Amino acid sequence: MSAARIRFTTGEASIVVQLADNPTSRDLVAQLPLTLTFEEFAGREKISYLPRRLATDGSAGSAPANGTLIYYKPWGNLGFYYRAAGGHDANLIPLGTVETGLDQLNRLEHGPVTVEAIR
């Protein structure tokens, strides 16, 4: 079973995500703790690549939504949407929703980001 929440921290920035209950989010938790590097993508999201791909069987796709942490199956990356656009995408798996810190997404690009489960 996955942790209910995870935290992304860098410097003074902290983003807490309430996890979805699906096999892909549970596989992410199994990789924690991690240190990741985030970058801007398409003026819509902040993305990072994991050390290994996540399991996706049994996890449904979704439409992008602001404040959602996603896993994009074709590229094997995480993404935080802040300017979502488009309809349902079977390759876009929701991992969770930002609970606190959505206003701090830009800070993710300023250094290594620690990702850990909150117990």
PDB file of N, CA and C in Angstrom:
ATOM      1  N   MET A   1       0.848  -1.188   0.000  1.00  0.00           N
ATOM      2  CA  MET A   1       0.000   0.000   0.000  1.00  0.00           C
ATOM      3  C   MET A   1       0.886   1.242   0.000  1.00  0.00           C
ATOM      4  N   SER A   2       0.505   2.266  -0.738  1.00  0.00           N
ATOM      5  CA  SER A   2       1.311   3.472  -0.854  1.00  0.00           C
ATOM      6  C   SER A   2       1.135   4.381   0.353  1.00  0.00           C
ATOM      7  N   ALA A   3       2.120   5.258   0.542  1.00  0.00           N
ATOM      8  CA  ALA A   3       1.991   6.309   1.546  1.00  0.00           C
ATOM      9  C   ALA A   3       0.910   7.252   1.068  1.00  0.00           C
ATOM     10  N   ALA A   4       0.223   7.882   1.975  1.00  0.00           N
ATOM     11  CA  ALA A   4      -0.866   8.773   1.602  1.00  0.00           C
ATOM     12  C   ALA A   4      -0.353  10.057   0.966  1.00  0.00           C
ATOM     13  N   ARG A   5       0.847  10.504   1.378  1.00  0.00           N
ATOM     14  CA  ARG A   5       1.383  11.763   0.863  1.00  0.00           C
ATOM     15  C   ARG A   5       2.889  11.663   0.649  1.00  0.00           C
ATOM     16  N   ILE A   6       3.386  12.457  -0.295  1.00  0.00           N
ATOM     17  CA  ILE A   6       4.826  12.580  -0.504  1.00  0.00           C
ATOM     18  C   ILE A   6       5.179  14.061  -0.545  1.00  0.00           C
ATOM     19  N   ARG A   7       6.458  14.358  -0.252  1.00  0.00           N
ATOM     20  CA  ARG A   7       6.929  15.742  -0.223  1.00  0.00           C
ATOM     21  C   ARG A   7       8.091  15.902  -1.194  1.00  0.00           C
ATOM     22  N   PHE A   8       8.063  16.990  -1.965  1.00  0.00           N
ATOM     23  CA  PHE A   8       9.137  17.407  -2.855  1.00  0.00           C
ATOM     24  C   PHE A   8       9.759  18.642  -2.228  1.00  0.00           C
ATOM     25  N   THR A   9      11.071  18.619  -1.929  1.00  0.00           N
ATOM     26  CA  THR A   9      11.713  19.776  -1.310  1.00  0.00           C
ATOM     27  C   THR A   9      12.997  20.133  -2.033  1.00  0.00           C
ATOM     28  N   THR A  10      13.233  21.435  -2.112  1.00  0.00           N
ATOM     29  CA  THR A  10      14.484  21.993  -2.594  1.00  0.00           C
ATOM     30  C   THR A  10      14.639  23.359  -1.955  1.00  0.00           C
ATOM     31  N   GLY A  11      15.774  23.601  -1.335  1.00  0.00           N
ATOM     32  CA  GLY A  11      15.968  24.871  -0.643  1.00  0.00           C
ATOM     33  C   GLY A  11      14.842  25.098   0.350  1.00  0.00           C
ATOM     34  N   GLU A  12      14.192  26.245   0.237  1.00  0.00           N
ATOM     35  CA  GLU A  12      13.080  26.587   1.125  1.00  0.00           C
ATOM     36  C   GLU A  12      11.722  26.135   0.583  1.00  0.00           C
ATOM     37  N   ALA A  13      11.706  25.579  -0.615  1.00  0.00           N
ATOM     38  CA  ALA A  13      10.441  25.169  -1.240  1.00  0.00           C
ATOM     39  C   ALA A  13      10.028  23.780  -0.771  1.00  0.00           C
ATOM     40  N   SER A  14       8.728  23.615  -0.552  1.00  0.00           N
ATOM     41  CA  SER A  14       8.176  22.324  -0.158  1.00  0.00           C
ATOM     42  C   SER A  14       6.808  22.162  -0.814  1.00  0.00           C
ATOM     43  N   ILE A  15       6.645  21.055  -1.532  1.00  0.00           N
ATOM     44  CA  ILE A  15       5.382  20.755  -2.197  1.00  0.00           C
ATOM     45  C   ILE A  15       4.918  19.397  -1.685  1.00  0.00           C
ATOM     46  N   VAL A  16       3.705  19.354  -1.140  1.00  0.00           N
ATOM     47  CA  VAL A  16       3.145  18.114  -0.609  1.00  0.00           C
ATOM     48  C   VAL A  16       2.054  17.639  -1.562  1.00  0.00           C
ATOM     49  N   VAL A  17       2.110  16.354  -1.901  1.00  0.00           N
ATOM     50  CA  VAL A  17       1.160  15.748  -2.834  1.00  0.00           C
ATOM     51  C   VAL A  17       0.378  14.650  -2.122  1.00  0.00           C
ATOM     52  N   GLN A  18      -0.950  14.738  -2.209  1.00  0.00           N
ATOM     53  CA  GLN A  18      -1.835  13.661  -1.749  1.00  0.00           C
ATOM     54  C   GLN A  18      -1.890  12.653  -2.886  1.00  0.00           C
ATOM     55  N   LEU A  19      -1.459  11.421  -2.617  1.00  0.00           N
ATOM     56  CA  LEU A  19      -1.348  10.432  -3.685  1.00  0.00           C
ATOM     57  C   LEU A  19      -2.683   9.809  -4.068  1.00  0.00           C
ATOM     58  N   ALA A  20      -2.785   9.482  -5.344  1.00  0.00           N
ATOM     59  CA  ALA A  20      -3.907   8.690  -5.851  1.00  0.00           C
ATOM     60  C   ALA A  20      -3.677   7.248  -5.429  1.00  0.00           C
ATOM     61  N   ASP A  21      -4.741   6.473  -5.395  1.00  0.00           N
ATOM     62  CA  ASP A  21      -4.618   5.056  -5.048  1.00  0.00           C
ATOM     63  C   ASP A  21      -4.636   4.245  -6.337  1.00  0.00           C
ATOM     64  N   ASN A  22      -3.441   4.053  -6.918  1.00  0.00           N
ATOM     65  CA  ASN A  22      -3.320   3.240  -8.120  1.00  0.00           C
ATOM     66  C   ASN A  22      -1.947   2.566  -8.135  1.00  0.00           C
ATOM     67  N   PRO A  23      -1.769   1.546  -8.952  1.00  0.00           N
ATOM     68  CA  PRO A  23      -0.498   0.816  -8.977  1.00  0.00           C
ATOM     69  C   PRO A  23       0.705   1.699  -9.319  1.00  0.00           C
ATOM     70  N   THR A  24       0.510   2.711 -10.146  1.00  0.00           N
ATOM     71  CA  THR A  24       1.626   3.561 -10.557  1.00  0.00           C
ATOM     72  C   THR A  24       2.106   4.432  -9.396  1.00  0.00           C
ATOM     73  N   SER A  25       1.190   5.009  -8.629  1.00  0.00           N
ATOM     74  CA  SER A  25       1.609   5.815  -7.474  1.00  0.00           C
ATOM     75  C   SER A  25       2.273   4.925  -6.422  1.00  0.00           C
ATOM     76  N   ARG A  26       1.789   3.716  -6.245  1.00  0.00           N
ATOM     77  CA  ARG A  26       2.418   2.791  -5.287  1.00  0.00           C
ATOM     78  C   ARG A  26       3.837   2.430  -5.734  1.00  0.00           C
ATOM     79  N   ASP A  27       4.050   2.271  -7.046  1.00  0.00           N
ATOM     80  CA  ASP A  27       5.379   1.983  -7.553  1.00  0.00           C
ATOM     81  C   ASP A  27       6.313   3.174  -7.350  1.00  0.00           C
ATOM     82  N   LEU A  28       5.797   4.389  -7.489  1.00  0.00           N
ATOM     83  CA  LEU A  28       6.604   5.580  -7.207  1.00  0.00           C
ATOM     84  C   LEU A  28       7.061   5.560  -5.748  1.00  0.00           C
ATOM     85  N   VAL A  29       6.159   5.302  -4.831  1.00  0.00           N
ATOM     86  CA  VAL A  29       6.501   5.266  -3.409  1.00  0.00           C
ATOM     87  C   VAL A  29       7.574   4.217  -3.140  1.00  0.00           C
ATOM     88  N   ALA A  30       7.530   3.095  -3.860  1.00  0.00           N
ATOM     89  CA  ALA A  30       8.525   2.037  -3.671  1.00  0.00           C
ATOM     90  C   ALA A  30       9.934   2.491  -4.045  1.00  0.00           C
ATOM     91  N   GLN A  31      10.052   3.541  -4.877  1.00  0.00           N
ATOM     92  CA  GLN A  31      11.364   4.061  -5.275  1.00  0.00           C
ATOM     93  C   GLN A  31      11.911   5.097  -4.298  1.00  0.00           C
ATOM     94  N   LEU A  32      11.092   5.592  -3.403  1.00  0.00           N
ATOM     95  CA  LEU A  32      11.496   6.670  -2.503  1.00  0.00           C
ATOM     96  C   LEU A  32      12.430   6.176  -1.417  1.00  0.00           C
ATOM     97  N   PRO A  33      13.324   7.061  -0.932  1.00  0.00           N
ATOM     98  CA  PRO A  33      13.503   8.455  -1.319  1.00  0.00           C
ATOM     99  C   PRO A  33      14.294   8.579  -2.627  1.00  0.00           C
ATOM    100  N   LEU A  34      14.073   9.703  -3.308  1.00  0.00           N
ATOM    101  CA  LEU A  34      14.752  10.004  -4.562  1.00  0.00           C
ATOM    102  C   LEU A  34      15.289  11.430  -4.545  1.00  0.00           C
ATOM    103  N   THR A  35      16.288  11.666  -5.361  1.00  0.00           N
ATOM    104  CA  THR A  35      16.735  13.023  -5.655  1.00  0.00           C
ATOM    105  C   THR A  35      16.575  13.204  -7.157  1.00  0.00           C
ATOM    106  N   LEU A  36      15.789  14.205  -7.547  1.00  0.00           N
ATOM    107  CA  LEU A  36      15.458  14.432  -8.954  1.00  0.00           C
ATOM    108  C   LEU A  36      15.836  15.843  -9.385  1.00  0.00           C
ATOM    109  N   THR A  37      15.904  16.044 -10.693  1.00  0.00           N
ATOM    110  CA  THR A  37      16.111  17.352 -11.293  1.00  0.00           C
ATOM    111  C   THR A  37      14.895  17.667 -12.144  1.00  0.00           C
ATOM    112  N   PHE A  38      14.308  18.846 -11.952  1.00  0.00           N
ATOM    113  CA  PHE A  38      13.127  19.250 -12.713  1.00  0.00           C
ATOM    114  C   PHE A  38      13.481  20.327 -13.719  1.00  0.00           C
ATOM    115  N   GLU A  39      12.708  20.367 -14.804  1.00  0.00           N
ATOM    116  CA  GLU A  39      12.865  21.387 -15.835  1.00  0.00           C
ATOM    117  C   GLU A  39      11.494  21.822 -16.332  1.00  0.00           C
ATOM    118  N   GLU A  40      11.472  22.985 -16.946  1.00  0.00           N
ATOM    119  CA  GLU A  40      10.253  23.530 -17.550  1.00  0.00           C
ATOM    120  C   GLU A  40       9.943  22.743 -18.815  1.00  0.00           C
ATOM    121  N   PHE A  41       8.653  22.504 -19.072  1.00  0.00           N
ATOM    122  CA  PHE A  41       8.257  21.849 -20.309  1.00  0.00           C
ATOM    123  C   PHE A  41       7.019  22.524 -20.883  1.00  0.00           C
ATOM    124  N   ALA A  42       7.166  23.088 -22.062  1.00  0.00           N
ATOM    125  CA  ALA A  42       6.075  23.611 -22.890  1.00  0.00           C
ATOM    126  C   ALA A  42       5.238  24.699 -22.223  1.00  0.00           C
ATOM    127  N   GLY A  43       5.764  25.371 -21.216  1.00  0.00           N
ATOM    128  CA  GLY A  43       5.000  26.432 -20.562  1.00  0.00           C
ATOM    129  C   GLY A  43       3.757  25.922 -19.851  1.00  0.00           C
ATOM    130  N   ARG A  44       3.734  24.612 -19.544  1.00  0.00           N
ATOM    131  CA  ARG A  44       2.547  24.006 -18.921  1.00  0.00           C
ATOM    132  C   ARG A  44       2.853  23.151 -17.709  1.00  0.00           C
ATOM    133  N   GLU A  45       4.088  22.631 -17.643  1.00  0.00           N
ATOM    134  CA  GLU A  45       4.392  21.706 -16.556  1.00  0.00           C
ATOM    135  C   GLU A  45       5.876  21.715 -16.228  1.00  0.00           C
ATOM    136  N   LYS A  46       6.186  21.200 -15.048  1.00  0.00           N
ATOM    137  CA  LYS A  46       7.556  20.963 -14.602  1.00  0.00           C
ATOM    138  C   LYS A  46       7.741  19.455 -14.656  1.00  0.00           C
ATOM    139  N   ILE A  47       8.816  18.986 -15.314  1.00  0.00           N
ATOM    140  CA  ILE A  47       8.993  17.549 -15.497  1.00  0.00           C
ATOM    141  C   ILE A  47      10.332  17.069 -14.951  1.00  0.00           C
ATOM    142  N   SER A  48      10.382  15.780 -14.657  1.00  0.00           N
ATOM    143  CA  SER A  48      11.594  15.124 -14.200  1.00  0.00           C
ATOM    144  C   SER A  48      11.546  13.663 -14.630  1.00  0.00           C
ATOM    145  N   TYR A  49      12.728  13.078 -14.816  1.00  0.00           N
ATOM    146  CA  TYR A  49      12.826  11.681 -15.215  1.00  0.00           C
ATOM    147  C   TYR A  49      13.259  10.831 -14.031  1.00  0.00           C
ATOM    148  N   LEU A  50      12.627   9.692 -13.886  1.00  0.00           N
ATOM    149  CA  LEU A  50      12.892   8.768 -12.788  1.00  0.00           C
ATOM    150  C   LEU A  50      14.042   7.830 -13.147  1.00  0.00           C
ATOM    151  N   PRO A  51      14.682   7.200 -12.145  1.00  0.00           N
ATOM    152  CA  PRO A  51      15.755   6.251 -12.439  1.00  0.00           C
ATOM    153  C   PRO A  51      15.269   5.013 -13.190  1.00  0.00           C
ATOM    154  N   ARG A  52      13.998   4.657 -13.004  1.00  0.00           N
ATOM    155  CA  ARG A  52      13.416   3.550 -13.774  1.00  0.00           C
ATOM    156  C   ARG A  52      11.946   3.867 -14.026  1.00  0.00           C
ATOM    157  N   ARG A  53      11.410   3.245 -15.061  1.00  0.00           N
ATOM    158  CA  ARG A  53       9.998   3.448 -15.395  1.00  0.00           C
ATOM    159  C   ARG A  53       9.101   2.871 -14.311  1.00  0.00           C
ATOM    160  N   LEU A  54       7.907   3.426 -14.195  1.00  0.00           N
ATOM    161  CA  LEU A  54       6.928   2.947 -13.219  1.00  0.00           C
ATOM    162  C   LEU A  54       5.999   1.923 -13.854  1.00  0.00           C
ATOM    163  N   ALA A  55       5.475   1.030 -13.031  1.00  0.00           N
ATOM    164  CA  ALA A  55       4.463   0.067 -13.482  1.00  0.00           C
ATOM    165  C   ALA A  55       3.184   0.835 -13.795  1.00  0.00           C
ATOM    166  N   THR A  56       2.546   0.493 -14.906  1.00  0.00           N
ATOM    167  CA  THR A  56       1.336   1.219 -15.297  1.00  0.00           C
ATOM    168  C   THR A  56       0.113   0.326 -15.460  1.00  0.00           C
ATOM    169  N   ASP A  57       0.284  -0.986 -15.433  1.00  0.00           N
ATOM    170  CA  ASP A  57      -0.865  -1.879 -15.560  1.00  0.00           C
ATOM    171  C   ASP A  57      -1.842  -1.627 -14.422  1.00  0.00           C
ATOM    172  N   GLY A  58      -3.110  -1.470 -14.767  1.00  0.00           N
ATOM    173  CA  GLY A  58      -4.142  -1.239 -13.763  1.00  0.00           C
ATOM    174  C   GLY A  58      -4.339   0.212 -13.388  1.00  0.00           C
ATOM    175  N   SER A  59      -3.599   1.134 -14.027  1.00  0.00           N
ATOM    176  CA  SER A  59      -3.749   2.566 -13.766  1.00  0.00           C
ATOM    177  C   SER A  59      -4.351   3.231 -14.994  1.00  0.00           C
ATOM    178  N   ALA A  60      -5.443   3.935 -14.794  1.00  0.00           N
ATOM    179  CA  ALA A  60      -6.160   4.580 -15.898  1.00  0.00           C
ATOM    180  C   ALA A  60      -5.576   5.948 -16.225  1.00  0.00           C
ATOM    181  N   GLY A  61      -5.674   6.329 -17.492  1.00  0.00           N
ATOM    182  CA  GLY A  61      -5.270   7.655 -17.932  1.00  0.00           C
ATOM    183  C   GLY A  61      -6.280   8.699 -17.493  1.00  0.00           C
ATOM    184  N   SER A  62      -5.966   9.973 -17.788  1.00  0.00           N
ATOM    185  CA  SER A  62      -6.851  11.066 -17.381  1.00  0.00           C
ATOM    186  C   SER A  62      -6.615  12.283 -18.259  1.00  0.00           C
ATOM    187  N   ALA A  63      -7.410  13.296 -18.049  1.00  0.00           N
ATOM    188  CA  ALA A  63      -7.188  14.596 -18.672  1.00  0.00           C
ATOM    189  C   ALA A  63      -6.243  15.380 -17.768  1.00  0.00           C
ATOM    190  N   PRO A  64      -5.376  16.218 -18.347  1.00  0.00           N
ATOM    191  CA  PRO A  64      -4.498  17.022 -17.504  1.00  0.00           C
ATOM    192  C   PRO A  64      -5.309  18.028 -16.684  1.00  0.00           C
ATOM    193  N   ALA A  65      -4.840  18.303 -15.476  1.00  0.00           N
ATOM    194  CA  ALA A  65      -5.495  19.284 -14.605  1.00  0.00           C
ATOM    195  C   ALA A  65      -4.430  20.012 -13.793  1.00  0.00           C
ATOM    196  N   ASN A  66      -4.612  21.302 -13.597  1.00  0.00           N
ATOM    197  CA  ASN A  66      -3.666  22.078 -12.805  1.00  0.00           C
ATOM    198  C   ASN A  66      -3.550  21.493 -11.401  1.00  0.00           C
ATOM    199  N   GLY A  67      -2.302  21.438 -10.915  1.00  0.00           N
ATOM    200  CA  GLY A  67      -2.055  20.920  -9.581  1.00  0.00           C
ATOM    201  C   GLY A  67      -1.979  19.410  -9.496  1.00  0.00           C
ATOM    202  N   THR A  68      -1.938  18.738 -10.636  1.00  0.00           N
ATOM    203  CA  THR A  68      -1.859  17.281 -10.647  1.00  0.00           C
ATOM    204  C   THR A  68      -0.426  16.837 -10.900  1.00  0.00           C
ATOM    205  N   LEU A  69       0.023  15.849 -10.122  1.00  0.00           N
ATOM    206  CA  LEU A  69       1.279  15.166 -10.392  1.00  0.00           C
ATOM    207  C   LEU A  69       0.934  13.985 -11.287  1.00  0.00           C
ATOM    208  N   ILE A  70       1.604  13.893 -12.439  1.00  0.00           N
ATOM    209  CA  ILE A  70       1.282  12.839 -13.405  1.00  0.00           C
ATOM    210  C   ILE A  70       2.521  12.025 -13.752  1.00  0.00           C
ATOM    211  N   TYR A  71       2.267  10.865 -14.347  1.00  0.00           N
ATOM    212  CA  TYR A  71       3.306  10.049 -14.960  1.00  0.00           C
ATOM    213  C   TYR A  71       2.924   9.905 -16.425  1.00  0.00           C
ATOM    214  N   TYR A  72       3.848  10.261 -17.320  1.00  0.00           N
ATOM    215  CA  TYR A  72       3.580  10.160 -18.748  1.00  0.00           C
ATOM    216  C   TYR A  72       4.256   8.892 -19.279  1.00  0.00           C
ATOM    217  N   LYS A  73       3.447   7.887 -19.609  1.00  0.00           N
ATOM    218  CA  LYS A  73       3.944   6.555 -19.983  1.00  0.00           C
ATOM    219  C   LYS A  73       4.964   6.553 -21.127  1.00  0.00           C
ATOM    220  N   PRO A  74       4.722   7.238 -22.244  1.00  0.00           N
ATOM    221  CA  PRO A  74       5.673   7.119 -23.357  1.00  0.00           C
ATOM    222  C   PRO A  74       7.093   7.586 -23.018  1.00  0.00           C
ATOM    223  N   TRP A  75       7.223   8.617 -22.198  1.00  0.00           N
ATOM    224  CA  TRP A  75       8.546   9.163 -21.887  1.00  0.00           C
ATOM    225  C   TRP A  75       9.069   8.688 -20.539  1.00  0.00           C
ATOM    226  N   GLY A  76       8.207   8.147 -19.690  1.00  0.00           N
ATOM    227  CA  GLY A  76       8.637   7.698 -18.373  1.00  0.00           C
ATOM    228  C   GLY A  76       8.988   8.831 -17.437  1.00  0.00           C
ATOM    229  N   ASN A  77       8.258   9.952 -17.541  1.00  0.00           N
ATOM    230  CA  ASN A  77       8.574  11.102 -16.693  1.00  0.00           C
ATOM    231  C   ASN A  77       7.420  11.479 -15.762  1.00  0.00           C
ATOM    232  N   LEU A  78       7.803  12.160 -14.680  1.00  0.00           N
ATOM    233  CA  LEU A  78       6.831  12.804 -13.787  1.00  0.00           C
ATOM    234  C   LEU A  78       6.574  14.199 -14.309  1.00  0.00           C
ATOM    235  N   GLY A  79       5.416  14.741 -14.001  1.00  0.00           N
ATOM    236  CA  GLY A  79       5.124  16.123 -14.354  1.00  0.00           C
ATOM    237  C   GLY A  79       4.146  16.736 -13.384  1.00  0.00           C
ATOM    238  N   PHE A  80       4.385  18.009 -13.066  1.00  0.00           N
ATOM    239  CA  PHE A  80       3.439  18.809 -12.288  1.00  0.00           C
ATOM    240  C   PHE A  80       2.775  19.780 -13.256  1.00  0.00           C
ATOM    241  N   TYR A  81       1.466  19.648 -13.465  1.00  0.00           N
ATOM    242  CA  TYR A  81       0.755  20.589 -14.338  1.00  0.00           C
ATOM    243  C   TYR A  81       0.426  21.865 -13.593  1.00  0.00           C
ATOM    244  N   TYR A  82       0.696  23.011 -14.248  1.00  0.00           N
ATOM    245  CA  TYR A  82       0.269  24.298 -13.705  1.00  0.00           C
ATOM    246  C   TYR A  82      -0.516  25.107 -14.740  1.00  0.00           C
ATOM    247  N   ARG A  83      -0.472  24.707 -16.012  1.00  0.00           N
ATOM    248  CA  ARG A  83      -1.262  25.353 -17.066  1.00  0.00           C
ATOM    249  C   ARG A  83      -1.748  24.248 -18.001  1.00  0.00           C
ATOM    250  N   ALA A  84      -2.673  23.454 -17.500  1.00  0.00           N
ATOM    251  CA  ALA A  84      -3.146  22.268 -18.218  1.00  0.00           C
ATOM    252  C   ALA A  84      -3.998  22.644 -19.417  1.00  0.00           C
ATOM    253  N   ALA A  85      -3.902  21.805 -20.453  1.00  0.00           N
ATOM    254  CA  ALA A  85      -4.732  21.974 -21.648  1.00  0.00           C
ATOM    255  C   ALA A  85      -4.884  20.605 -22.301  1.00  0.00           C
ATOM    256  N   GLY A  86      -5.997  20.396 -22.936  1.00  0.00           N
ATOM    257  CA  GLY A  86      -6.200  19.146 -23.652  1.00  0.00           C
ATOM    258  C   GLY A  86      -7.201  18.241 -22.961  1.00  0.00           C
ATOM    259  N   GLY A  87      -7.598  17.206 -23.688  1.00  0.00           N
ATOM    260  CA  GLY A  87      -8.585  16.266 -23.184  1.00  0.00           C
ATOM    261  C   GLY A  87      -7.945  15.009 -22.620  1.00  0.00           C
ATOM    262  N   HIS A  88      -8.759  14.002 -22.442  1.00  0.00           N
ATOM    263  CA  HIS A  88      -8.326  12.730 -21.869  1.00  0.00           C
ATOM    264  C   HIS A  88      -7.167  12.136 -22.665  1.00  0.00           C
ATOM    265  N   ASP A  89      -6.178  11.605 -21.949  1.00  0.00           N
ATOM    266  CA  ASP A  89      -5.027  10.970 -22.571  1.00  0.00           C
ATOM    267  C   ASP A  89      -4.751   9.676 -21.808  1.00  0.00           C
ATOM    268  N   ALA A  90      -4.871   8.541 -22.461  1.00  0.00           N
ATOM    269  CA  ALA A  90      -4.662   7.241 -21.817  1.00  0.00           C
ATOM    270  C   ALA A  90      -3.231   7.071 -21.318  1.00  0.00           C
ATOM    271  N   ASN A  91      -2.283   7.867 -21.845  1.00  0.00           N
ATOM    272  CA  ASN A  91      -0.880   7.786 -21.435  1.00  0.00           C
ATOM    273  C   ASN A  91      -0.547   8.667 -20.238  1.00  0.00           C
ATOM    274  N   LEU A  92      -1.483   9.472 -19.785  1.00  0.00           N
ATOM    275  CA  LEU A  92      -1.275  10.435 -18.704  1.00  0.00           C
ATOM    276  C   LEU A  92      -1.908   9.883 -17.424  1.00  0.00           C
ATOM    277  N   ILE A  93      -1.084   9.319 -16.544  1.00  0.00           N
ATOM    278  CA  ILE A  93      -1.601   8.670 -15.340  1.00  0.00           C
ATOM    279  C   ILE A  93      -1.490   9.619 -14.153  1.00  0.00           C
ATOM    280  N   PRO A  94      -2.604   9.932 -13.496  1.00  0.00           N
ATOM    281  CA  PRO A  94      -2.543  10.810 -12.328  1.00  0.00           C
ATOM    282  C   PRO A  94      -1.936  10.067 -11.132  1.00  0.00           C
ATOM    283  N   LEU A  95      -0.922  10.685 -10.523  1.00  0.00           N
ATOM    284  CA  LEU A  95      -0.285  10.107  -9.343  1.00  0.00           C
ATOM    285  C   LEU A  95      -0.794  10.744  -8.062  1.00  0.00           C
ATOM    286  N   GLY A  96      -1.297  11.970  -8.175  1.00  0.00           N
ATOM    287  CA  GLY A  96      -1.790  12.658  -6.986  1.00  0.00           C
ATOM    288  C   GLY A  96      -2.078  14.113  -7.281  1.00  0.00           C
ATOM    289  N   THR A  97      -2.500  14.804  -6.231  1.00  0.00           N
ATOM    290  CA  THR A  97      -2.869  16.217  -6.329  1.00  0.00           C
ATOM    291  C   THR A  97      -2.067  17.026  -5.322  1.00  0.00           C
ATOM    292  N   VAL A  98      -1.568  18.181  -5.760  1.00  0.00           N
ATOM    293  CA  VAL A  98      -0.815  19.052  -4.858  1.00  0.00           C
ATOM    294  C   VAL A  98      -1.743  19.514  -3.743  1.00  0.00           C
ATOM    295  N   GLU A  99      -1.317  19.255  -2.526  1.00  0.00           N
ATOM    296  CA  GLU A  99      -2.064  19.644  -1.328  1.00  0.00           C
ATOM    297  C   GLU A  99      -1.600  21.017  -0.849  1.00  0.00           C
ATOM    298  N   THR A 100      -0.288  21.226  -0.816  1.00  0.00           N
ATOM    299  CA  THR A 100       0.289  22.522  -0.449  1.00  0.00           C
ATOM    300  C   THR A 100       1.519  22.775  -1.305  1.00  0.00           C
ATOM    301  N   GLY A 101       1.773  24.053  -1.595  1.00  0.00           N
ATOM    302  CA  GLY A 101       2.984  24.447  -2.301  1.00  0.00           C
ATOM    303  C   GLY A 101       2.863  24.617  -3.796  1.00  0.00           C
ATOM    304  N   LEU A 102       1.660  24.607  -4.344  1.00  0.00           N
ATOM    305  CA  LEU A 102       1.513  24.766  -5.799  1.00  0.00           C
ATOM    306  C   LEU A 102       2.187  26.050  -6.282  1.00  0.00           C
ATOM    307  N   ASP A 103       2.166  27.093  -5.466  1.00  0.00           N
ATOM    308  CA  ASP A 103       2.783  28.369  -5.829  1.00  0.00           C
ATOM    309  C   ASP A 103       4.310  28.295  -5.850  1.00  0.00           C
ATOM    310  N   GLN A 104       4.890  27.170  -5.431  1.00  0.00           N
ATOM    311  CA  GLN A 104       6.341  27.021  -5.371  1.00  0.00           C
ATOM    312  C   GLN A 104       6.911  26.153  -6.498  1.00  0.00           C
ATOM    313  N   LEU A 105       6.098  25.789  -7.476  1.00  0.00           N
ATOM    314  CA  LEU A 105       6.578  24.913  -8.559  1.00  0.00           C
ATOM    315  C   LEU A 105       7.805  25.462  -9.273  1.00  0.00           C
ATOM    316  N   ASN A 106       7.883  26.785  -9.488  1.00  0.00           N
ATOM    317  CA  ASN A 106       9.036  27.358 -10.185  1.00  0.00           C
ATOM    318  C   ASN A 106      10.344  27.086  -9.465  1.00  0.00           C
ATOM    319  N   ARG A 107      10.305  26.928  -8.171  1.00  0.00           N
ATOM    320  CA  ARG A 107      11.526  26.686  -7.393  1.00  0.00           C
ATOM    321  C   ARG A 107      12.102  25.292  -7.624  1.00  0.00           C
ATOM    322  N   LEU A 108      11.326  24.378  -8.175  1.00  0.00           N
ATOM    323  CA  LEU A 108      11.827  23.029  -8.418  1.00  0.00           C
ATOM    324  C   LEU A 108      13.019  23.014  -9.368  1.00  0.00           C
ATOM    325  N   GLU A 109      13.115  24.024 -10.215  1.00  0.00           N
ATOM    326  CA  GLU A 109      14.191  24.082 -11.197  1.00  0.00           C
ATOM    327  C   GLU A 109      15.494  24.627 -10.623  1.00  0.00           C
ATOM    328  N   HIS A 110      15.519  25.033  -9.369  1.00  0.00           N
ATOM    329  CA  HIS A 110      16.661  25.722  -8.786  1.00  0.00           C
ATOM    330  C   HIS A 110      17.639  24.809  -8.064  1.00  0.00           C
ATOM    331  N   GLY A 111      17.505  23.537  -8.207  1.00  0.00           N
ATOM    332  CA  GLY A 111      18.447  22.642  -7.559  1.00  0.00           C
ATOM    333  C   GLY A 111      17.913  21.254  -7.442  1.00  0.00           C
ATOM    334  N   PRO A 112      18.695  20.362  -6.867  1.00  0.00           N
ATOM    335  CA  PRO A 112      18.201  19.004  -6.690  1.00  0.00           C
ATOM    336  C   PRO A 112      16.956  18.999  -5.802  1.00  0.00           C
ATOM    337  N   VAL A 113      16.019  18.127  -6.137  1.00  0.00           N
ATOM    338  CA  VAL A 113      14.750  18.020  -5.419  1.00  0.00           C
ATOM    339  C   VAL A 113      14.711  16.671  -4.721  1.00  0.00           C
ATOM    340  N   THR A 114      14.511  16.700  -3.419  1.00  0.00           N
ATOM    341  CA  THR A 114      14.356  15.480  -2.634  1.00  0.00           C
ATOM    342  C   THR A 114      12.895  15.098  -2.606  1.00  0.00           C
ATOM    343  N   VAL A 115      12.608  13.831  -2.874  1.00  0.00           N
ATOM    344  CA  VAL A 115      11.238  13.318  -2.837  1.00  0.00           C
ATOM    345  C   VAL A 115      11.194  12.223  -1.791  1.00  0.00           C
ATOM    346  N   GLU A 116      10.281  12.373  -0.820  1.00  0.00           N
ATOM    347  CA  GLU A 116      10.183  11.391   0.258  1.00  0.00           C
ATOM    348  C   GLU A 116       8.744  11.201   0.677  1.00  0.00           C
ATOM    349  N   ALA A 117       8.473  10.020   1.216  1.00  0.00           N
ATOM    350  CA  ALA A 117       7.145   9.730   1.758  1.00  0.00           C
ATOM    351  C   ALA A 117       6.980  10.458   3.080  1.00  0.00           C
ATOM    352  N   ILE A 118       5.778  10.906   3.341  1.00  0.00           N
ATOM    353  CA  ILE A 118       5.427  11.512   4.632  1.00  0.00           C
ATOM    354  C   ILE A 118       4.662  10.469   5.406  1.00  0.00           C
ATOM    355  N   ARG A 119       5.157  10.082   6.527  1.00  0.00           N
ATOM    356  CA  ARG A 119       4.515   9.043   7.335  1.00  0.00           C
ATOM    357  C   ARG A 119       3.656   9.646   8.397  1.00  0.00           C
TER     358      ARG A 119
END
